[in-house]
Amino acid sequence: MMKQLPAKLRLVTAAEVDSSDDLLGELKSESHYTGAVRLIVISTALILVTLVWAWFGVLDEVSTGTGR
């Protein structure tokens, strides 16, 4: 007996594939980013861009002074 899987993890049967006219469209409609995933992806991209910028950036002058 087959175990019941959650809706996002279930296997597609041959009958469902045959009855579907637009399988690629159905698959694309199910794949979307939630707000949390989008936030993680954007944060990771910004950190990577910052690290690349810091690696290749050149300091022109470093100066120090006394504070009053």
Protein backbone atom coordinates (compact mmCIF):
# COMPACT_ATOMS: atom_id res chain seq x y z
CA MET A 1 0.00 0.00 0.00
CA MET A 2 1.36 3.41 -0.99
CA LYS A 3 1.79 6.09 1.62
CA GLN A 4 -0.13 9.35 1.08
CA LEU A 5 2.27 12.23 0.32
CA PRO A 6 1.61 15.95 0.83
CA ALA A 7 0.24 17.76 -2.22
CA LYS A 8 3.59 19.31 -3.20
CA LEU A 9 5.44 15.98 -2.95
CA ARG A 10 2.97 13.60 -4.51
CA LEU A 11 3.80 11.62 -7.63
CA VAL A 12 1.97 12.39 -10.85
CA THR A 13 0.18 9.40 -12.30
CA ALA A 14 0.16 8.48 -15.97
CA ALA A 15 -3.57 9.25 -16.16
CA GLU A 16 -2.96 12.78 -14.88
CA VAL A 17 -0.18 13.31 -17.42
CA ASP A 18 -2.38 12.08 -20.26
CA SER A 19 -5.29 14.28 -19.17
CA SER A 20 -3.11 17.37 -18.89
CA ASP A 21 -2.90 19.53 -22.00
CA ASP A 22 -0.45 22.00 -20.48
CA LEU A 23 1.80 20.05 -18.10
CA LEU A 24 4.64 22.59 -18.30
CA GLY A 25 2.24 25.42 -17.47
CA GLU A 26 0.91 23.49 -14.48
CA LEU A 27 4.43 22.82 -13.21
CA LYS A 28 5.38 26.50 -13.56
CA SER A 29 2.26 27.62 -11.71
CA GLU A 30 3.20 25.43 -8.73
CA SER A 31 6.74 26.76 -8.46
CA HIS A 32 6.78 30.14 -6.75
CA TYR A 33 8.83 31.84 -4.10
CA THR A 34 7.30 32.63 -0.76
CA GLY A 35 8.23 35.84 1.01
CA ALA A 36 10.75 34.10 3.28
CA VAL A 37 12.54 32.36 0.40
CA ARG A 38 12.63 35.60 -1.58
CA LEU A 39 14.15 37.43 1.41
CA ILE A 40 16.87 34.79 1.82
CA VAL A 41 17.72 34.81 -1.90
CA ILE A 42 17.95 38.62 -2.05
CA SER A 43 20.01 38.79 1.16
CA THR A 44 22.43 36.14 -0.10
CA ALA A 45 22.81 37.93 -3.43
CA LEU A 46 23.52 41.26 -1.71
CA ILE A 47 26.12 39.67 0.58
CA LEU A 48 27.84 38.03 -2.40
CA VAL A 49 27.89 41.30 -4.34
CA THR A 50 29.33 43.10 -1.30
CA LEU A 51 32.04 40.48 -0.83
CA VAL A 52 33.05 40.63 -4.50
CA TRP A 53 33.15 44.45 -4.34
CA ALA A 54 35.27 44.34 -1.16
CA TRP A 55 37.66 41.79 -2.69
CA PHE A 56 38.35 43.80 -5.84
CA GLY A 57 38.06 47.30 -4.33
CA VAL A 58 41.25 49.36 -3.98
CA LEU A 59 41.98 51.73 -1.10
CA ASP A 60 43.53 54.99 -2.30
CA GLU A 61 44.57 56.39 1.05
CA VAL A 62 44.38 55.41 4.69
CA SER A 63 44.68 58.30 7.12
CA THR A 64 44.47 58.62 10.86
CA GLY A 65 44.01 61.61 13.10
CA THR A 66 43.62 62.58 16.70
CA GLY A 67 40.10 63.07 17.92
CA ARG A 68 39.15 66.04 20.10
